[in-house]
Amino acid sequence: MSLPADAAAALQVFRDASGWEQRARLLMQWGERLPPLSDADKCETNLVSGCESQVWLVGQLQDGQWQFSASSDARLIRGLVALLLARVNGLSAAELQQVDLPGWFNQLGLSRQLSPSRSNGLNAVLKRMRELTQ
């Protein structure tokens, strides 16, 4: 399965990074680029359960492709979620089922920095995405 353009761009940038500090800065920058969610979207219905930080997720189907928007109260999580969105936006529901989350963050060189709780949180976000596409 080929990567969405945003994901391919992210992969290139993170592969070119020369170590964890540079990757951490990139991660924060990706998080800052997330378009803000409206207050109306930051509601209980859109809150992802299973995350230590608060993460809100909304999804919309456009011409057979899913587009997700998300936000978090934690900067690092916002960055990780932004990279997850880069990986999944524009996919069909079937393609979304095939996304390998640990593999994606491993490709980005970020898997070592994912604590078990962050990993669980990101898995919860992906699980919620898959639920929305059902």
C-alpha atoms as a PDB file:
ATOM      1  CA  MET A   1       0.000   0.000   0.000  1.00  0.00           C
ATOM      2  CA  SER A   2       1.486   3.344  -0.988  1.00  0.00           C
ATOM      3  CA  LEU A   3       1.769   6.145   1.545  1.00  0.00           C
ATOM      4  CA  PRO A   4      -0.351   9.292   1.398  1.00  0.00           C
ATOM      5  CA  ALA A   5       1.694  12.336   0.282  1.00  0.00           C
ATOM      6  CA  ASP A   6       1.785  13.840   3.797  1.00  0.00           C
ATOM      7  CA  ALA A   7       3.038  10.564   5.227  1.00  0.00           C
ATOM      8  CA  ALA A   8       5.763  10.276   2.586  1.00  0.00           C
ATOM      9  CA  ALA A   9       6.849  13.855   3.351  1.00  0.00           C
ATOM     10  CA  ALA A  10       6.908  13.136   7.101  1.00  0.00           C
ATOM     11  CA  LEU A  11       8.956  10.019   6.544  1.00  0.00           C
ATOM     12  CA  GLN A  12      11.554  11.929   4.529  1.00  0.00           C
ATOM     13  CA  VAL A  13      11.868  14.722   7.097  1.00  0.00           C
ATOM     14  CA  PHE A  14      12.141  12.360  10.078  1.00  0.00           C
ATOM     15  CA  ARG A  15      14.616  10.072   8.315  1.00  0.00           C
ATOM     16  CA  ASP A  16      16.820  13.094   7.601  1.00  0.00           C
ATOM     17  CA  ALA A  17      16.735  14.182  11.256  1.00  0.00           C
ATOM     18  CA  SER A  18      20.065  13.688  13.000  1.00  0.00           C
ATOM     19  CA  GLY A  19      18.979  12.299  16.324  1.00  0.00           C
ATOM     20  CA  TRP A  20      16.326  12.440  18.987  1.00  0.00           C
ATOM     21  CA  GLU A  21      16.529  16.181  19.773  1.00  0.00           C
ATOM     22  CA  GLN A  22      15.884  17.126  16.170  1.00  0.00           C
ATOM     23  CA  ARG A  23      13.060  14.576  15.940  1.00  0.00           C
ATOM     24  CA  ALA A  24      11.513  15.951  19.144  1.00  0.00           C
ATOM     25  CA  ARG A  25      11.548  19.464  17.642  1.00  0.00           C
ATOM     26  CA  LEU A  26       9.988  18.144  14.433  1.00  0.00           C
ATOM     27  CA  LEU A  27       7.345  16.360  16.470  1.00  0.00           C
ATOM     28  CA  MET A  28       6.364  19.604  18.225  1.00  0.00           C
ATOM     29  CA  GLN A  29       6.270  21.430  14.868  1.00  0.00           C
ATOM     30  CA  TRP A  30       3.956  18.803  13.385  1.00  0.00           C
ATOM     31  CA  GLY A  31       1.680  19.167  16.405  1.00  0.00           C
ATOM     32  CA  GLU A  32       1.569  22.948  15.994  1.00  0.00           C
ATOM     33  CA  ARG A  33       0.464  22.513  12.379  1.00  0.00           C
ATOM     34  CA  LEU A  34      -2.694  20.650  13.387  1.00  0.00           C
ATOM     35  CA  PRO A  35      -5.679  22.869  12.575  1.00  0.00           C
ATOM     36  CA  PRO A  36      -7.479  23.698  15.827  1.00  0.00           C
ATOM     37  CA  LEU A  37     -10.736  21.902  16.509  1.00  0.00           C
ATOM     38  CA  SER A  38     -13.775  24.027  17.243  1.00  0.00           C
ATOM     39  CA  ASP A  39     -15.026  24.130  20.823  1.00  0.00           C
ATOM     40  CA  ALA A  40     -18.109  22.297  19.571  1.00  0.00           C
ATOM     41  CA  ASP A  41     -15.887  19.419  18.376  1.00  0.00           C
ATOM     42  CA  LYS A  42     -14.100  19.242  21.734  1.00  0.00           C
ATOM     43  CA  CYS A  43     -17.000  17.412  23.309  1.00  0.00           C
ATOM     44  CA  GLU A  44     -17.421  14.182  25.241  1.00  0.00           C
ATOM     45  CA  THR A  45     -18.609  12.337  22.107  1.00  0.00           C
ATOM     46  CA  ASN A  46     -15.318  13.035  20.304  1.00  0.00           C
ATOM     47  CA  LEU A  47     -13.058  12.324  23.288  1.00  0.00           C
ATOM     48  CA  VAL A  48     -10.974   9.193  22.695  1.00  0.00           C
ATOM     49  CA  SER A  49     -11.109   6.825  25.647  1.00  0.00           C
ATOM     50  CA  GLY A  50      -7.916   4.997  26.561  1.00  0.00           C
ATOM     51  CA  CYS A  51      -5.616   8.037  26.363  1.00  0.00           C
ATOM     52  CA  GLU A  52      -3.922   9.516  29.428  1.00  0.00           C
ATOM     53  CA  SER A  53      -4.000  12.925  27.741  1.00  0.00           C
ATOM     54  CA  GLN A  54      -7.207  14.312  26.342  1.00  0.00           C
ATOM     55  CA  VAL A  55      -7.493  13.606  22.622  1.00  0.00           C
ATOM     56  CA  TRP A  56     -10.496  14.604  20.533  1.00  0.00           C
ATOM     57  CA  LEU A  57     -11.081  13.011  17.149  1.00  0.00           C
ATOM     58  CA  VAL A  58     -13.575  13.735  14.390  1.00  0.00           C
ATOM     59  CA  GLY A  59     -13.806  11.887  11.092  1.00  0.00           C
ATOM     60  CA  GLN A  60     -15.555  12.607   7.842  1.00  0.00           C
ATOM     61  CA  LEU A  61     -16.016  10.481   4.749  1.00  0.00           C
ATOM     62  CA  GLN A  62     -15.387  12.393   1.505  1.00  0.00           C
ATOM     63  CA  ASP A  63     -15.659  10.555  -1.819  1.00  0.00           C
ATOM     64  CA  GLY A  64     -14.840   7.203  -0.217  1.00  0.00           C
ATOM     65  CA  GLN A  65     -11.803   8.576   1.610  1.00  0.00           C
ATOM     66  CA  TRP A  66     -11.598   9.340   5.318  1.00  0.00           C
ATOM     67  CA  GLN A  67     -10.396  12.695   6.620  1.00  0.00           C
ATOM     68  CA  PHE A  68      -9.719  12.989  10.319  1.00  0.00           C
ATOM     69  CA  SER A  69      -9.128  16.003  12.512  1.00  0.00           C
ATOM     70  CA  ALA A  70      -7.815  15.793  16.038  1.00  0.00           C
ATOM     71  CA  SER A  71      -6.493  17.799  18.922  1.00  0.00           C
ATOM     72  CA  SER A  72      -4.878  17.112  22.267  1.00  0.00           C
ATOM     73  CA  ASP A  73      -4.106  19.054  25.414  1.00  0.00           C
ATOM     74  CA  ALA A  74      -0.547  17.642  25.379  1.00  0.00           C
ATOM     75  CA  ARG A  75       2.062  19.021  22.935  1.00  0.00           C
ATOM     76  CA  LEU A  76       3.937  15.771  22.379  1.00  0.00           C
ATOM     77  CA  ILE A  77       0.704  13.850  21.839  1.00  0.00           C
ATOM     78  CA  ARG A  78      -0.479  16.501  19.353  1.00  0.00           C
ATOM     79  CA  GLY A  79       2.688  15.843  17.355  1.00  0.00           C
ATOM     80  CA  LEU A  80       2.230  12.078  17.443  1.00  0.00           C
ATOM     81  CA  VAL A  81      -1.430  12.414  16.494  1.00  0.00           C
ATOM     82  CA  ALA A  82      -0.489  14.778  13.634  1.00  0.00           C
ATOM     83  CA  LEU A  83       1.862  12.088  12.291  1.00  0.00           C
ATOM     84  CA  LEU A  84      -0.868   9.484  12.646  1.00  0.00           C
ATOM     85  CA  LEU A  85      -3.263  11.746  10.701  1.00  0.00           C
ATOM     86  CA  ALA A  86      -0.615  12.192   7.998  1.00  0.00           C
ATOM     87  CA  ARG A  87      -0.515   8.400   7.707  1.00  0.00           C
ATOM     88  CA  VAL A  88      -4.284   7.782   7.579  1.00  0.00           C
ATOM     89  CA  ASN A  89      -5.973  10.801   6.000  1.00  0.00           C
ATOM     90  CA  GLY A  90      -7.221  10.006   2.517  1.00  0.00           C
ATOM     91  CA  LEU A  91      -7.469   6.265   3.107  1.00  0.00           C
ATOM     92  CA  SER A  92     -10.539   4.142   2.548  1.00  0.00           C
ATOM     93  CA  ALA A  93     -12.055   2.229   5.476  1.00  0.00           C
ATOM     94  CA  ALA A  94     -10.462  -0.987   4.171  1.00  0.00           C
ATOM     95  CA  GLU A  95      -7.018   0.635   3.889  1.00  0.00           C
ATOM     96  CA  LEU A  96      -7.371   2.046   7.384  1.00  0.00           C
ATOM     97  CA  GLN A  97      -7.755  -1.495   8.730  1.00  0.00           C
ATOM     98  CA  GLN A  98      -4.313  -2.325   7.259  1.00  0.00           C
ATOM     99  CA  VAL A  99      -2.372   0.500   8.937  1.00  0.00           C
ATOM    100  CA  ASP A 100       0.509  -0.834  11.028  1.00  0.00           C
ATOM    101  CA  LEU A 101       0.870   1.739  13.807  1.00  0.00           C
ATOM    102  CA  PRO A 102       4.062   0.398  15.461  1.00  0.00           C
ATOM    103  CA  GLY A 103       5.594  -0.056  12.009  1.00  0.00           C
ATOM    104  CA  TRP A 104       4.764   3.539  11.045  1.00  0.00           C
ATOM    105  CA  PHE A 105       6.384   5.063  14.147  1.00  0.00           C
ATOM    106  CA  ASN A 106       9.322   2.696  13.755  1.00  0.00           C
ATOM    107  CA  GLN A 107       9.838   3.968  10.176  1.00  0.00           C
ATOM    108  CA  LEU A 108       9.808   7.529  11.535  1.00  0.00           C
ATOM    109  CA  GLY A 109      12.466   6.596  14.097  1.00  0.00           C
ATOM    110  CA  LEU A 110      10.115   7.414  16.975  1.00  0.00           C
ATOM    111  CA  SER A 111       9.228   3.991  18.357  1.00  0.00           C
ATOM    112  CA  ARG A 112      11.882   4.097  21.112  1.00  0.00           C
ATOM    113  CA  GLN A 113      10.352   7.327  22.409  1.00  0.00           C
ATOM    114  CA  LEU A 114       6.858   5.864  22.643  1.00  0.00           C
ATOM    115  CA  SER A 115       6.238   4.941  26.250  1.00  0.00           C
ATOM    116  CA  PRO A 116       3.722   2.123  26.792  1.00  0.00           C
ATOM    117  CA  SER A 117       1.057   4.659  27.811  1.00  0.00           C
ATOM    118  CA  ARG A 118       1.665   6.789  24.685  1.00  0.00           C
ATOM    119  CA  SER A 119       1.608   3.671  22.543  1.00  0.00           C
ATOM    120  CA  ASN A 120      -1.665   2.594  24.130  1.00  0.00           C
ATOM    121  CA  GLY A 121      -3.090   6.077  23.595  1.00  0.00           C
ATOM    122  CA  LEU A 122      -2.166   6.103  19.903  1.00  0.00           C
ATOM    123  CA  ASN A 123      -3.617   2.618  19.514  1.00  0.00           C
ATOM    124  CA  ALA A 124      -6.814   3.927  21.129  1.00  0.00           C
ATOM    125  CA  VAL A 125      -6.920   6.785  18.585  1.00  0.00           C
ATOM    126  CA  LEU A 126      -6.444   4.374  15.661  1.00  0.00           C
ATOM    127  CA  LYS A 127      -9.070   2.023  17.127  1.00  0.00           C
ATOM    128  CA  ARG A 128     -11.506   4.956  17.383  1.00  0.00           C
ATOM    129  CA  MET A 129     -10.772   5.875  13.742  1.00  0.00           C
ATOM    130  CA  ARG A 130     -11.576   2.329  12.702  1.00  0.00           C
ATOM    131  CA  GLU A 131     -14.813   2.415  14.732  1.00  0.00           C
ATOM    132  CA  LEU A 132     -15.855   5.645  13.012  1.00  0.00           C
ATOM    133  CA  THR A 133     -15.380   4.046   9.598  1.00  0.00           C
ATOM    134  CA  GLN A 134     -17.650   1.085  10.360  1.00  0.00           C
END
